[in-house]
PDB file of N, CA and C in Angstrom:
ATOM      1  N   UNK A   1     138.980  92.104  88.700  1.00  0.00           N
ATOM      2  CA  UNK A   1     137.752  92.779  89.070  1.00  0.00           C
ATOM      3  C   UNK A   1     137.464  92.468  90.541  1.00  0.00           C
ATOM      4  N   UNK A   2     136.932  93.433  91.227  1.00  0.00           N
ATOM      5  CA  UNK A   2     136.544  93.251  92.613  1.00  0.00           C
ATOM      6  C   UNK A   2     135.329  92.326  92.659  1.00  0.00           C
ATOM      7  N   UNK A   3     135.388  91.239  93.421  1.00  0.00           N
ATOM      8  CA  UNK A   3     134.244  90.324  93.495  1.00  0.00           C
ATOM      9  C   UNK A   3     132.955  91.001  93.958  1.00  0.00           C
ATOM     10  N   UNK A   4     133.059  92.102  94.687  1.00  0.00           N
ATOM     11  CA  UNK A   4     131.854  92.816  95.123  1.00  0.00           C
ATOM     12  C   UNK A   4     131.006  93.254  93.943  1.00  0.00           C
ATOM     13  N   UNK A   5     131.653  93.564  92.831  1.00  0.00           N
ATOM     14  CA  UNK A   5     130.918  94.002  91.641  1.00  0.00           C
ATOM     15  C   UNK A   5     130.003  92.889  91.144  1.00  0.00           C
ATOM     16  N   UNK A   6     130.481  91.663  91.209  1.00  0.00           N
ATOM     17  CA  UNK A   6     129.693  90.536  90.716  1.00  0.00           C
ATOM     18  C   UNK A   6     128.512  90.213  91.625  1.00  0.00           C
ATOM     19  N   UNK A   7     128.633  90.545  92.896  1.00  0.00           N
ATOM     20  CA  UNK A   7     127.570  90.249  93.860  1.00  0.00           C
ATOM     21  C   UNK A   7     126.650  91.436  94.116  1.00  0.00           C
ATOM     22  N   UNK A   8     126.862  92.524  93.434  1.00  0.00           N
ATOM     23  CA  UNK A   8     126.104  93.750  93.686  1.00  0.00           C
ATOM     24  C   UNK A   8     124.630  93.580  93.327  1.00  0.00           C
ATOM     25  N   UNK A   9     123.779  94.253  94.089  1.00  0.00           N
ATOM     26  CA  UNK A   9     122.349  94.234  93.767  1.00  0.00           C
ATOM     27  C   UNK A   9     121.970  95.413  92.878  1.00  0.00           C
ATOM     28  N   UNK A  10     122.884  96.360  92.712  1.00  0.00           N
ATOM     29  CA  UNK A  10     122.583  97.531  91.888  1.00  0.00           C
ATOM     30  C   UNK A  10     123.873  98.116  91.342  1.00  0.00           C
ATOM     31  N   UNK A  11     123.746  98.841  90.256  1.00  0.00           N
ATOM     32  CA  UNK A  11     124.842  99.597  89.679  1.00  0.00           C
ATOM     33  C   UNK A  11     124.413 101.053  89.654  1.00  0.00           C
ATOM     34  N   UNK A  12     125.184 101.909  90.292  1.00  0.00           N
ATOM     35  CA  UNK A  12     124.863 103.338  90.318  1.00  0.00           C
ATOM     36  C   UNK A  12     125.881 104.078  89.464  1.00  0.00           C
ATOM     37  N   UNK A  13     125.402 104.844  88.510  1.00  0.00           N
ATOM     38  CA  UNK A  13     126.272 105.656  87.672  1.00  0.00           C
ATOM     39  C   UNK A  13     125.924 107.115  87.922  1.00  0.00           C
ATOM     40  N   UNK A  14     126.921 107.888  88.288  1.00  0.00           N
ATOM     41  CA  UNK A  14     126.735 109.306  88.578  1.00  0.00           C
ATOM     42  C   UNK A  14     127.550 110.105  87.583  1.00  0.00           C
ATOM     43  N   UNK A  15     126.924 111.100  86.968  1.00  0.00           N
ATOM     44  CA  UNK A  15     127.618 111.890  85.958  1.00  0.00           C
ATOM     45  C   UNK A  15     127.118 113.328  85.990  1.00  0.00           C
ATOM     46  N   UNK A  16     127.962 114.239  85.607  1.00  0.00           N
ATOM     47  CA  UNK A  16     127.584 115.633  85.439  1.00  0.00           C
ATOM     48  C   UNK A  16     128.201 116.060  84.116  1.00  0.00           C
ATOM     49  N   UNK A  17     127.403 116.115  83.096  1.00  0.00           N
ATOM     50  CA  UNK A  17     127.903 116.379  81.746  1.00  0.00           C
ATOM     51  C   UNK A  17     128.192 117.852  81.526  1.00  0.00           C
ATOM     52  N   UNK A  18     129.138 118.091  80.673  1.00  0.00           N
ATOM     53  CA  UNK A  18     129.495 119.449  80.282  1.00  0.00           C
ATOM     54  C   UNK A  18     129.952 119.436  78.844  1.00  0.00           C
ATOM     55  N   UNK A  19     130.387 120.558  78.358  1.00  0.00           N
ATOM     56  CA  UNK A  19     130.869 120.609  76.982  1.00  0.00           C
ATOM     57  C   UNK A  19     132.169 119.815  76.849  1.00  0.00           C
ATOM     58  N   UNK A  20     132.557 119.461  75.630  1.00  0.00           N
ATOM     59  CA  UNK A  20     133.839 118.769  75.452  1.00  0.00           C
ATOM     60  C   UNK A  20     134.971 119.594  76.065  1.00  0.00           C
ATOM     61  N   UNK A  21     135.970 118.912  76.563  1.00  0.00           N
ATOM     62  CA  UNK A  21     137.087 119.597  77.206  1.00  0.00           C
ATOM     63  C   UNK A  21     137.818 120.525  76.253  1.00  0.00           C
ATOM     64  N   UNK A  22     137.898 120.159  74.990  1.00  0.00           N
ATOM     65  CA  UNK A  22     138.635 120.959  74.018  1.00  0.00           C
ATOM     66  C   UNK A  22     137.815 121.186  72.745  1.00  0.00           C
ATOM     67  N   UNK A  23     136.670 121.864  72.836  1.00  0.00           N
ATOM     68  CA  UNK A  23     135.911 122.116  71.606  1.00  0.00           C
ATOM     69  C   UNK A  23     136.703 123.068  70.701  1.00  0.00           C
ATOM     70  N   UNK A  24     137.014 122.614  69.512  1.00  0.00           N
ATOM     71  CA  UNK A  24     137.786 123.467  68.608  1.00  0.00           C
ATOM     72  C   UNK A  24     139.160 123.794  69.140  1.00  0.00           C
ATOM     73  N   UNK A  25     139.675 123.012  70.056  1.00  0.00           N
ATOM     74  CA  UNK A  25     140.995 123.189  70.663  1.00  0.00           C
ATOM     75  C   UNK A  25     141.115 124.465  71.491  1.00  0.00           C
ATOM     76  N   UNK A  26     140.012 124.993  71.958  1.00  0.00           N
ATOM     77  CA  UNK A  26     140.096 126.143  72.860  1.00  0.00           C
ATOM     78  C   UNK A  26     140.441 125.636  74.263  1.00  0.00           C
ATOM     79  N   UNK A  27     140.882 126.521  75.103  1.00  0.00           N
ATOM     80  CA  UNK A  27     141.264 126.141  76.463  1.00  0.00           C
ATOM     81  C   UNK A  27     140.024 125.683  77.235  1.00  0.00           C
ATOM     82  N   UNK A  28     140.157 124.619  78.041  1.00  0.00           N
ATOM     83  CA  UNK A  28     139.014 124.155  78.826  1.00  0.00           C
ATOM     84  C   UNK A  28     138.657 125.144  79.927  1.00  0.00           C
ATOM     85  N   UNK A  29     137.419 125.135  80.337  1.00  0.00           N
ATOM     86  CA  UNK A  29     136.953 125.968  81.440  1.00  0.00           C
ATOM     87  C   UNK A  29     137.217 125.196  82.732  1.00  0.00           C
ATOM     88  N   UNK A  30     138.359 125.439  83.338  1.00  0.00           N
ATOM     89  CA  UNK A  30     138.772 124.674  84.514  1.00  0.00           C
ATOM     90  C   UNK A  30     137.849 124.893  85.707  1.00  0.00           C
ATOM     91  N   UNK A  31     137.310 126.082  85.864  1.00  0.00           N
ATOM     92  CA  UNK A  31     136.403 126.348  86.986  1.00  0.00           C
ATOM     93  C   UNK A  31     135.128 125.525  86.838  1.00  0.00           C
ATOM     94  N   UNK A  32     134.572 125.482  85.641  1.00  0.00           N
ATOM     95  CA  UNK A  32     133.360 124.695  85.408  1.00  0.00           C
ATOM     96  C   UNK A  32     133.639 123.206  85.577  1.00  0.00           C
ATOM     97  N   UNK A  33     134.786 122.754  85.073  1.00  0.00           N
ATOM     98  CA  UNK A  33     135.150 121.340  85.218  1.00  0.00           C
ATOM     99  C   UNK A  33     135.325 120.990  86.694  1.00  0.00           C
ATOM    100  N   UNK A  34     135.931 121.881  87.459  1.00  0.00           N
ATOM    101  CA  UNK A  34     136.092 121.646  88.893  1.00  0.00           C
ATOM    102  C   UNK A  34     134.760 121.580  89.614  1.00  0.00           C
ATOM    103  N   UNK A  35     133.819 122.429  89.215  1.00  0.00           N
ATOM    104  CA  UNK A  35     132.484 122.412  89.829  1.00  0.00           C
ATOM    105  C   UNK A  35     131.768 121.097  89.504  1.00  0.00           C
ATOM    106  N   UNK A  36     131.903 120.622  88.272  1.00  0.00           N
ATOM    107  CA  UNK A  36     131.279 119.341  87.907  1.00  0.00           C
ATOM    108  C   UNK A  36     131.911 118.206  88.696  1.00  0.00           C
ATOM    109  N   UNK A  37     133.240 118.230  88.820  1.00  0.00           N
ATOM    110  CA  UNK A  37     133.918 117.195  89.597  1.00  0.00           C
ATOM    111  C   UNK A  37     133.435 117.207  91.043  1.00  0.00           C
ATOM    112  N   UNK A  38     133.283 118.386  91.631  1.00  0.00           N
ATOM    113  CA  UNK A  38     132.815 118.498  93.019  1.00  0.00           C
ATOM    114  C   UNK A  38     131.413 117.908  93.193  1.00  0.00           C
ATOM    115  N   UNK A  39     130.535 118.150  92.217  1.00  0.00           N
ATOM    116  CA  UNK A  39     129.178 117.591  92.301  1.00  0.00           C
ATOM    117  C   UNK A  39     129.198 116.071  92.221  1.00  0.00           C
ATOM    118  N   UNK A  40     130.017 115.533  91.341  1.00  0.00           N
ATOM    119  CA  UNK A  40     130.122 114.076  91.232  1.00  0.00           C
ATOM    120  C   UNK A  40     130.713 113.501  92.518  1.00  0.00           C
ATOM    121  N   UNK A  41     131.736 114.143  93.057  1.00  0.00           N
ATOM    122  CA  UNK A  41     132.344 113.656  94.298  1.00  0.00           C
ATOM    123  C   UNK A  41     131.355 113.692  95.452  1.00  0.00           C
ATOM    124  N   UNK A  42     130.510 114.708  95.523  1.00  0.00           N
ATOM    125  CA  UNK A  42     129.494 114.783  96.577  1.00  0.00           C
ATOM    126  C   UNK A  42     128.488 113.648  96.428  1.00  0.00           C
ATOM    127  N   UNK A  43     128.083 113.371  95.207  1.00  0.00           N
ATOM    128  CA  UNK A  43     127.145 112.265  94.974  1.00  0.00           C
ATOM    129  C   UNK A  43     127.790 110.930  95.339  1.00  0.00           C
ATOM    130  N   UNK A  44     129.063 110.755  94.979  1.00  0.00           N
ATOM    131  CA  UNK A  44     129.760 109.515  95.316  1.00  0.00           C
ATOM    132  C   UNK A  44     129.931 109.362  96.828  1.00  0.00           C
ATOM    133  N   UNK A  45     130.179 110.459  97.526  1.00  0.00           N
ATOM    134  CA  UNK A  45     130.305 110.399  98.985  1.00  0.00           C
ATOM    135  C   UNK A  45     128.994 109.942  99.608  1.00  0.00           C
ATOM    136  N   UNK A  46     127.878 110.422  99.078  1.00  0.00           N
ATOM    137  CA  UNK A  46     126.574 109.996  99.591  1.00  0.00           C
ATOM    138  C   UNK A  46     126.345 108.508  99.327  1.00  0.00           C
ATOM    139  N   UNK A  47     126.724 108.042  98.153  1.00  0.00           N
ATOM    140  CA  UNK A  47     126.582 106.607  97.847  1.00  0.00           C
ATOM    141  C   UNK A  47     127.474 105.770  98.756  1.00  0.00           C
ATOM    142  N   UNK A  48     128.713 106.218  98.961  1.00  0.00           N
ATOM    143  CA  UNK A  48     129.629 105.467  99.838  1.00  0.00           C
ATOM    144  C   UNK A  48     129.135 105.456 101.285  1.00  0.00           C
ATOM    145  N   UNK A  49     128.487 106.529 101.720  1.00  0.00           N
ATOM    146  CA  UNK A  49     127.933 106.556 103.079  1.00  0.00           C
ATOM    147  C   UNK A  49     126.801 105.541 103.205  1.00  0.00           C
ATOM    148  N   UNK A  50     126.004 105.414 102.140  1.00  0.00           N
ATOM    149  CA  UNK A  50     124.887 104.469 102.163  1.00  0.00           C
ATOM    150  C   UNK A  50     125.358 103.029 101.999  1.00  0.00           C
ATOM    151  N   UNK A  51     126.448 102.833 101.275  1.00  0.00           N
ATOM    152  CA  UNK A  51     126.941 101.481 101.010  1.00  0.00           C
ATOM    153  C   UNK A  51     128.467 101.459 101.111  1.00  0.00           C
ATOM    154  N   UNK A  52     128.981 101.533 102.335  1.00  0.00           N
ATOM    155  CA  UNK A  52     130.441 101.520 102.497  1.00  0.00           C
ATOM    156  C   UNK A  52     131.010 100.135 102.194  1.00  0.00           C
ATOM    157  N   UNK A  53     132.300 100.079 101.983  1.00  0.00           N
ATOM    158  CA  UNK A  53     133.001  98.816 101.736  1.00  0.00           C
ATOM    159  C   UNK A  53     132.454  98.061 100.528  1.00  0.00           C
ATOM    160  N   UNK A  54     132.073  98.812  99.495  1.00  0.00           N
ATOM    161  CA  UNK A  54     131.618  98.179  98.265  1.00  0.00           C
ATOM    162  C   UNK A  54     132.674  98.375  97.187  1.00  0.00           C
ATOM    163  N   UNK A  55     132.567  97.604  96.150  1.00  0.00           N
ATOM    164  CA  UNK A  55     133.523  97.695  95.060  1.00  0.00           C
ATOM    165  C   UNK A  55     133.075  98.678  94.003  1.00  0.00           C
ATOM    166  N   UNK A  56     133.897  98.817  92.994  1.00  0.00           N
ATOM    167  CA  UNK A  56     133.591  99.685  91.861  1.00  0.00           C
ATOM    168  C   UNK A  56     134.051  98.971  90.603  1.00  0.00           C
ATOM    169  N   UNK A  57     133.322  99.178  89.532  1.00  0.00           N
ATOM    170  CA  UNK A  57     133.674  98.591  88.245  1.00  0.00           C
ATOM    171  C   UNK A  57     134.637  99.539  87.554  1.00  0.00           C
ATOM    172  N   UNK A  58     135.835  99.075  87.289  1.00  0.00           N
ATOM    173  CA  UNK A  58     136.911  99.942  86.812  1.00  0.00           C
ATOM    174  C   UNK A  58     136.586 100.645  85.493  1.00  0.00           C
ATOM    175  N   UNK A  59     135.762 100.067  84.663  1.00  0.00           N
ATOM    176  CA  UNK A  59     135.475 100.671  83.366  1.00  0.00           C
ATOM    177  C   UNK A  59     134.420 101.776  83.450  1.00  0.00           C
ATOM    178  N   UNK A  60     133.706 101.860  84.538  1.00  0.00           N
ATOM    179  CA  UNK A  60     132.692 102.904  84.740  1.00  0.00           C
ATOM    180  C   UNK A  60     132.862 103.455  86.141  1.00  0.00           C
ATOM    181  N   UNK A  61     133.968 104.158  86.345  1.00  0.00           N
ATOM    182  CA  UNK A  61     134.322 104.548  87.706  1.00  0.00           C
ATOM    183  C   UNK A  61     134.657 106.024  87.806  1.00  0.00           C
ATOM    184  N   UNK A  62     134.874 106.431  89.031  1.00  0.00           N
ATOM    185  CA  UNK A  62     135.339 107.773  89.346  1.00  0.00           C
ATOM    186  C   UNK A  62     136.831 107.844  89.005  1.00  0.00           C
ATOM    187  N   UNK A  63     137.199 108.700  88.089  1.00  0.00           N
ATOM    188  CA  UNK A  63     138.588 108.843  87.672  1.00  0.00           C
ATOM    189  C   UNK A  63     139.481 109.159  88.870  1.00  0.00           C
ATOM    190  N   UNK A  64     138.920 109.796  89.883  1.00  0.00           N
ATOM    191  CA  UNK A  64     139.677 110.199  91.064  1.00  0.00           C
ATOM    192  C   UNK A  64     139.435 109.264  92.246  1.00  0.00           C
ATOM    193  N   UNK A  65     139.010 108.046  91.992  1.00  0.00           N
ATOM    194  CA  UNK A  65     138.670 107.072  93.028  1.00  0.00           C
ATOM    195  C   UNK A  65     139.790 106.941  94.052  1.00  0.00           C
ATOM    196  N   UNK A  66     139.446 107.164  95.303  1.00  0.00           N
ATOM    197  CA  UNK A  66     140.414 106.955  96.387  1.00  0.00           C
ATOM    198  C   UNK A  66     140.476 105.456  96.673  1.00  0.00           C
ATOM    199  N   UNK A  67     141.591 104.987  97.150  1.00  0.00           N
ATOM    200  CA  UNK A  67     141.770 103.581  97.506  1.00  0.00           C
ATOM    201  C   UNK A  67     141.343 102.677  96.342  1.00  0.00           C
ATOM    202  N   UNK A  68     141.776 103.054  95.141  1.00  0.00           N
ATOM    203  CA  UNK A  68     141.321 102.368  93.937  1.00  0.00           C
ATOM    204  C   UNK A  68     141.739 100.908  93.878  1.00  0.00           C
ATOM    205  N   UNK A  69     142.877 100.554  94.481  1.00  0.00           N
ATOM    206  CA  UNK A  69     143.295  99.152  94.456  1.00  0.00           C
ATOM    207  C   UNK A  69     142.221  98.267  95.092  1.00  0.00           C
ATOM    208  N   UNK A  70     141.718  98.720  96.218  1.00  0.00           N
ATOM    209  CA  UNK A  70     140.682  97.942  96.917  1.00  0.00           C
ATOM    210  C   UNK A  70     139.335  98.064  96.194  1.00  0.00           C
ATOM    211  N   UNK A  71     138.983  99.275  95.763  1.00  0.00           N
ATOM    212  CA  UNK A  71     137.681  99.478  95.133  1.00  0.00           C
ATOM    213  C   UNK A  71     137.551  98.696  93.828  1.00  0.00           C
ATOM    214  N   UNK A  72     138.579  98.724  92.991  1.00  0.00           N
ATOM    215  CA  UNK A  72     138.484  98.092  91.676  1.00  0.00           C
ATOM    216  C   UNK A  72     138.847  96.617  91.679  1.00  0.00           C
ATOM    217  N   UNK A  73     139.819  96.246  92.491  1.00  0.00           N
ATOM    218  CA  UNK A  73     140.360  94.895  92.408  1.00  0.00           C
ATOM    219  C   UNK A  73     140.106  94.051  93.651  1.00  0.00           C
ATOM    220  N   UNK A  74     139.753  94.687  94.770  1.00  0.00           N
ATOM    221  CA  UNK A  74     139.426  93.951  95.993  1.00  0.00           C
ATOM    222  C   UNK A  74     140.550  93.028  96.425  1.00  0.00           C
ATOM    223  N   UNK A  75     140.190  91.855  96.937  1.00  0.00           N
ATOM    224  CA  UNK A  75     141.209  90.926  97.430  1.00  0.00           C
ATOM    225  C   UNK A  75     142.070  90.336  96.314  1.00  0.00           C
ATOM    226  N   UNK A  76     141.716  90.566  95.073  1.00  0.00           N
ATOM    227  CA  UNK A  76     142.490  90.041  93.946  1.00  0.00           C
ATOM    228  C   UNK A  76     143.739  90.869  93.642  1.00  0.00           C
ATOM    229  N   UNK A  77     143.834  92.094  94.203  1.00  0.00           N
ATOM    230  CA  UNK A  77     144.915  92.995  93.808  1.00  0.00           C
ATOM    231  C   UNK A  77     146.302  92.416  94.062  1.00  0.00           C
ATOM    232  N   UNK A  78     146.530  91.843  95.208  1.00  0.00           N
ATOM    233  CA  UNK A  78     147.869  91.321  95.534  1.00  0.00           C
ATOM    234  C   UNK A  78     148.293  90.262  94.519  1.00  0.00           C
ATOM    235  N   UNK A  79     147.416  89.347  94.193  1.00  0.00           N
ATOM    236  CA  UNK A  79     147.728  88.290  93.232  1.00  0.00           C
ATOM    237  C   UNK A  79     147.957  88.879  91.842  1.00  0.00           C
ATOM    238  N   UNK A  80     147.100  89.807  91.433  1.00  0.00           N
ATOM    239  CA  UNK A  80     147.245  90.442  90.122  1.00  0.00           C
ATOM    240  C   UNK A  80     148.538  91.249  90.042  1.00  0.00           C
ATOM    241  N   UNK A  81     148.906  91.923  91.133  1.00  0.00           N
ATOM    242  CA  UNK A  81     150.143  92.699  91.163  1.00  0.00           C
ATOM    243  C   UNK A  81     151.352  91.783  90.974  1.00  0.00           C
ATOM    244  N   UNK A  82     151.345  90.653  91.654  1.00  0.00           N
ATOM    245  CA  UNK A  82     152.461  89.711  91.511  1.00  0.00           C
ATOM    246  C   UNK A  82     152.554  89.182  90.078  1.00  0.00           C
ATOM    247  N   UNK A  83     151.427  88.903  89.462  1.00  0.00           N
ATOM    248  CA  UNK A  83     151.406  88.452  88.063  1.00  0.00           C
ATOM    249  C   UNK A  83     151.927  89.550  87.150  1.00  0.00           C
ATOM    250  N   UNK A  84     151.478  90.768  87.395  1.00  0.00           N
ATOM    251  CA  UNK A  84     151.917  91.913  86.592  1.00  0.00           C
ATOM    252  C   UNK A  84     153.433  92.068  86.668  1.00  0.00           C
ATOM    253  N   UNK A  85     153.995  92.001  87.841  1.00  0.00           N
ATOM    254  CA  UNK A  85     155.449  92.153  88.007  1.00  0.00           C
ATOM    255  C   UNK A  85     156.211  91.023  87.309  1.00  0.00           C
ATOM    256  N   UNK A  86     155.632  89.825  87.296  1.00  0.00           N
ATOM    257  CA  UNK A  86     156.290  88.684  86.674  1.00  0.00           C
ATOM    258  C   UNK A  86     156.293  88.803  85.143  1.00  0.00           C
ATOM    259  N   UNK A  87     155.145  89.140  84.559  1.00  0.00           N
ATOM    260  CA  UNK A  87     155.013  89.114  83.108  1.00  0.00           C
ATOM    261  C   UNK A  87     155.229  90.474  82.430  1.00  0.00           C
ATOM    262  N   UNK A  88     155.191  91.547  83.186  1.00  0.00           N
ATOM    263  CA  UNK A  88     155.429  92.882  82.622  1.00  0.00           C
ATOM    264  C   UNK A  88     156.304  93.677  83.595  1.00  0.00           C
ATOM    265  N   UNK A  89     157.536  93.215  83.821  1.00  0.00           N
ATOM    266  CA  UNK A  89     158.378  93.838  84.853  1.00  0.00           C
ATOM    267  C   UNK A  89     158.732  95.297  84.561  1.00  0.00           C
ATOM    268  N   UNK A  90     158.701  95.701  83.295  1.00  0.00           N
ATOM    269  CA  UNK A  90     159.028  97.086  82.956  1.00  0.00           C
ATOM    270  C   UNK A  90     157.802  97.990  82.920  1.00  0.00           C
ATOM    271  N   UNK A  91     156.615  97.434  83.143  1.00  0.00           N
ATOM    272  CA  UNK A  91     155.405  98.241  83.164  1.00  0.00           C
ATOM    273  C   UNK A  91     155.027  98.802  81.808  1.00  0.00           C
ATOM    274  N   UNK A  92     155.285  98.054  80.746  1.00  0.00           N
ATOM    275  CA  UNK A  92     154.959  98.520  79.407  1.00  0.00           C
ATOM    276  C   UNK A  92     153.457  98.728  79.233  1.00  0.00           C
ATOM    277  N   UNK A  93     152.671  97.833  79.775  1.00  0.00           N
ATOM    278  CA  UNK A  93     151.219  97.913  79.632  1.00  0.00           C
ATOM    279  C   UNK A  93     150.626  98.541  80.889  1.00  0.00           C
ATOM    280  N   UNK A  94     150.341  99.820  80.808  1.00  0.00           N
ATOM    281  CA  UNK A  94     149.877 100.576  81.967  1.00  0.00           C
ATOM    282  C   UNK A  94     148.675 101.422  81.590  1.00  0.00           C
ATOM    283  N   UNK A  95     147.685 101.437  82.461  1.00  0.00           N
ATOM    284  CA  UNK A  95     146.520 102.299  82.304  1.00  0.00           C
ATOM    285  C   UNK A  95     146.249 102.973  83.636  1.00  0.00           C
ATOM    286  N   UNK A  96     145.532 104.075  83.597  1.00  0.00           N
ATOM    287  CA  UNK A  96     145.176 104.796  84.825  1.00  0.00           C
ATOM    288  C   UNK A  96     144.446 103.854  85.784  1.00  0.00           C
ATOM    289  N   UNK A  97     144.950 103.743  86.990  1.00  0.00           N
ATOM    290  CA  UNK A  97     144.386 102.900  88.035  1.00  0.00           C
ATOM    291  C   UNK A  97     144.346 101.429  87.659  1.00  0.00           C
ATOM    292  N   UNK A  98     145.247 101.033  86.761  1.00  0.00           N
ATOM    293  CA  UNK A  98     145.408  99.616  86.458  1.00  0.00           C
ATOM    294  C   UNK A  98     146.383  98.998  87.433  1.00  0.00           C
ATOM    295  N   UNK A  99     146.394  97.704  87.496  1.00  0.00           N
ATOM    296  CA  UNK A  99     147.296  96.997  88.391  1.00  0.00           C
ATOM    297  C   UNK A  99     148.734  97.413  88.076  1.00  0.00           C
ATOM    298  N   UNK A 100     149.445  97.869  89.080  1.00  0.00           N
ATOM    299  CA  UNK A 100     150.828  98.287  88.931  1.00  0.00           C
ATOM    300  C   UNK A 100     151.027  99.720  88.482  1.00  0.00           C
ATOM    301  N   UNK A 101     149.966 100.471  88.301  1.00  0.00           N
ATOM    302  CA  UNK A 101     150.126 101.842  87.804  1.00  0.00           C
ATOM    303  C   UNK A 101     150.685 102.794  88.858  1.00  0.00           C
ATOM    304  N   UNK A 102     150.892 102.315  90.060  1.00  0.00           N
ATOM    305  CA  UNK A 102     151.529 103.151  91.087  1.00  0.00           C
ATOM    306  C   UNK A 102     152.922 103.579  90.645  1.00  0.00           C
ATOM    307  N   UNK A 103     153.516 102.835  89.704  1.00  0.00           N
ATOM    308  CA  UNK A 103     154.878 103.124  89.248  1.00  0.00           C
ATOM    309  C   UNK A 103     154.931 104.250  88.223  1.00  0.00           C
ATOM    310  N   UNK A 104     153.797 104.863  87.906  1.00  0.00           N
ATOM    311  CA  UNK A 104     153.736 105.900  86.876  1.00  0.00           C
ATOM    312  C   UNK A 104     153.121 107.172  87.420  1.00  0.00           C
ATOM    313  N   UNK A 105     153.477 108.291  86.807  1.00  0.00           N
ATOM    314  CA  UNK A 105     152.892 109.579  87.169  1.00  0.00           C
ATOM    315  C   UNK A 105     151.398 109.554  86.842  1.00  0.00           C
ATOM    316  N   UNK A 106     150.613 110.447  87.434  1.00  0.00           N
ATOM    317  CA  UNK A 106     149.166 110.455  87.171  1.00  0.00           C
ATOM    318  C   UNK A 106     148.804 110.584  85.689  1.00  0.00           C
ATOM    319  N   UNK A 107     149.653 111.253  84.898  1.00  0.00           N
ATOM    320  CA  UNK A 107     149.334 111.363  83.473  1.00  0.00           C
ATOM    321  C   UNK A 107     149.758 110.123  82.690  1.00  0.00           C
ATOM    322  N   UNK A 108     150.478 109.200  83.334  1.00  0.00           N
ATOM    323  CA  UNK A 108     150.875 107.951  82.699  1.00  0.00           C
ATOM    324  C   UNK A 108     152.080 108.041  81.786  1.00  0.00           C
ATOM    325  N   UNK A 109     152.776 109.176  81.770  1.00  0.00           N
ATOM    326  CA  UNK A 109     153.888 109.344  80.842  1.00  0.00           C
ATOM    327  C   UNK A 109     155.264 109.170  81.473  1.00  0.00           C
ATOM    328  N   UNK A 110     155.343 109.204  82.788  1.00  0.00           N
ATOM    329  CA  UNK A 110     156.646 109.207  83.441  1.00  0.00           C
ATOM    330  C   UNK A 110     156.681 108.178  84.557  1.00  0.00           C
ATOM    331  N   UNK A 111     157.729 107.359  84.553  1.00  0.00           N
ATOM    332  CA  UNK A 111     157.911 106.438  85.668  1.00  0.00           C
ATOM    333  C   UNK A 111     158.333 107.232  86.894  1.00  0.00           C
ATOM    334  N   UNK A 112     157.854 106.848  88.024  1.00  0.00           N
ATOM    335  CA  UNK A 112     158.212 107.499  89.279  1.00  0.00           C
ATOM    336  C   UNK A 112     158.991 106.500  90.126  1.00  0.00           C
ATOM    337  N   UNK A 113     159.723 106.974  91.119  1.00  0.00           N
ATOM    338  CA  UNK A 113     160.433 106.023  91.979  1.00  0.00           C
ATOM    339  C   UNK A 113     159.453 104.984  92.519  1.00  0.00           C
ATOM    340  N   UNK A 114     159.843 103.733  92.443  1.00  0.00           N
ATOM    341  CA  UNK A 114     158.939 102.657  92.815  1.00  0.00           C
ATOM    342  C   UNK A 114     158.513 102.766  94.260  1.00  0.00           C
ATOM    343  N   UNK A 115     157.239 102.633  94.454  1.00  0.00           N
ATOM    344  CA  UNK A 115     156.645 102.647  95.785  1.00  0.00           C
ATOM    345  C   UNK A 115     155.775 101.414  95.882  1.00  0.00           C
ATOM    346  N   UNK A 116     155.942 100.655  96.912  1.00  0.00           N
ATOM    347  CA  UNK A 116     155.148  99.439  97.060  1.00  0.00           C
ATOM    348  C   UNK A 116     153.668  99.786  97.147  1.00  0.00           C
ATOM    349  N   UNK A 117     152.820  98.996  96.491  1.00  0.00           N
ATOM    350  CA  UNK A 117     151.381  99.217  96.623  1.00  0.00           C
ATOM    351  C   UNK A 117     150.950  98.891  98.046  1.00  0.00           C
ATOM    352  N   UNK A 118     149.758  99.306  98.448  1.00  0.00           N
ATOM    353  CA  UNK A 118     149.320  99.145  99.840  1.00  0.00           C
ATOM    354  C   UNK A 118     149.485  97.734 100.387  1.00  0.00           C
ATOM    355  N   UNK A 119     149.213  96.709  99.589  1.00  0.00           N
ATOM    356  CA  UNK A 119     149.290  95.346 100.125  1.00  0.00           C
ATOM    357  C   UNK A 119     150.726  94.896 100.362  1.00  0.00           C
ATOM    358  N   UNK A 120     151.718  95.606  99.824  1.00  0.00           N
ATOM    359  CA  UNK A 120     153.121  95.231 100.001  1.00  0.00           C
ATOM    360  C   UNK A 120     153.832  96.066 101.056  1.00  0.00           C
ATOM    361  N   UNK A 121     153.187  97.114 101.555  1.00  0.00           N
ATOM    362  CA  UNK A 121     153.828  97.989 102.536  1.00  0.00           C
ATOM    363  C   UNK A 121     153.751  97.372 103.920  1.00  0.00           C
ATOM    364  N   UNK A 122     154.828  97.551 104.657  1.00  0.00           N
ATOM    365  CA  UNK A 122     154.853  97.069 106.032  1.00  0.00           C
ATOM    366  C   UNK A 122     154.912  98.240 106.984  1.00  0.00           C
ATOM    367  N   UNK A 123     154.184  98.143 108.057  1.00  0.00           N
ATOM    368  CA  UNK A 123     154.230  99.176 109.097  1.00  0.00           C
ATOM    369  C   UNK A 123     155.285  98.737 110.099  1.00  0.00           C
ATOM    370  N   UNK A 124     156.253  99.605 110.321  1.00  0.00           N
ATOM    371  CA  UNK A 124     157.344  99.263 111.271  1.00  0.00           C
ATOM    372  C   UNK A 124     157.048  99.792 112.633  1.00  0.00           C
TER     373      UNK A 124
END
């Protein structure tokens, strides 16, 4: 967890509710879902402008969170990544935006060519 979450003076939750994605297994309304996502992203941008460099709680977060390693895990990410590689080298235990999930496709079903996470990349 990002230590910023523990030191926060407030928790802001932003949501735009809509119908279930698959009511009765009918096709989802992608245009409406996109509009809801845009409204949530606009609200999150306003919050980030007011409070930049803050953390996010991974269990109540923006599914599309940019820079999620820093937002969710903060300075702990590098240490957690090393632990993950040591104890789960094949990435069996993977969740969206979990430590080490860079090795999986966005849907979580396919391994992708390994790419070092931001803290392991070197600028040449």
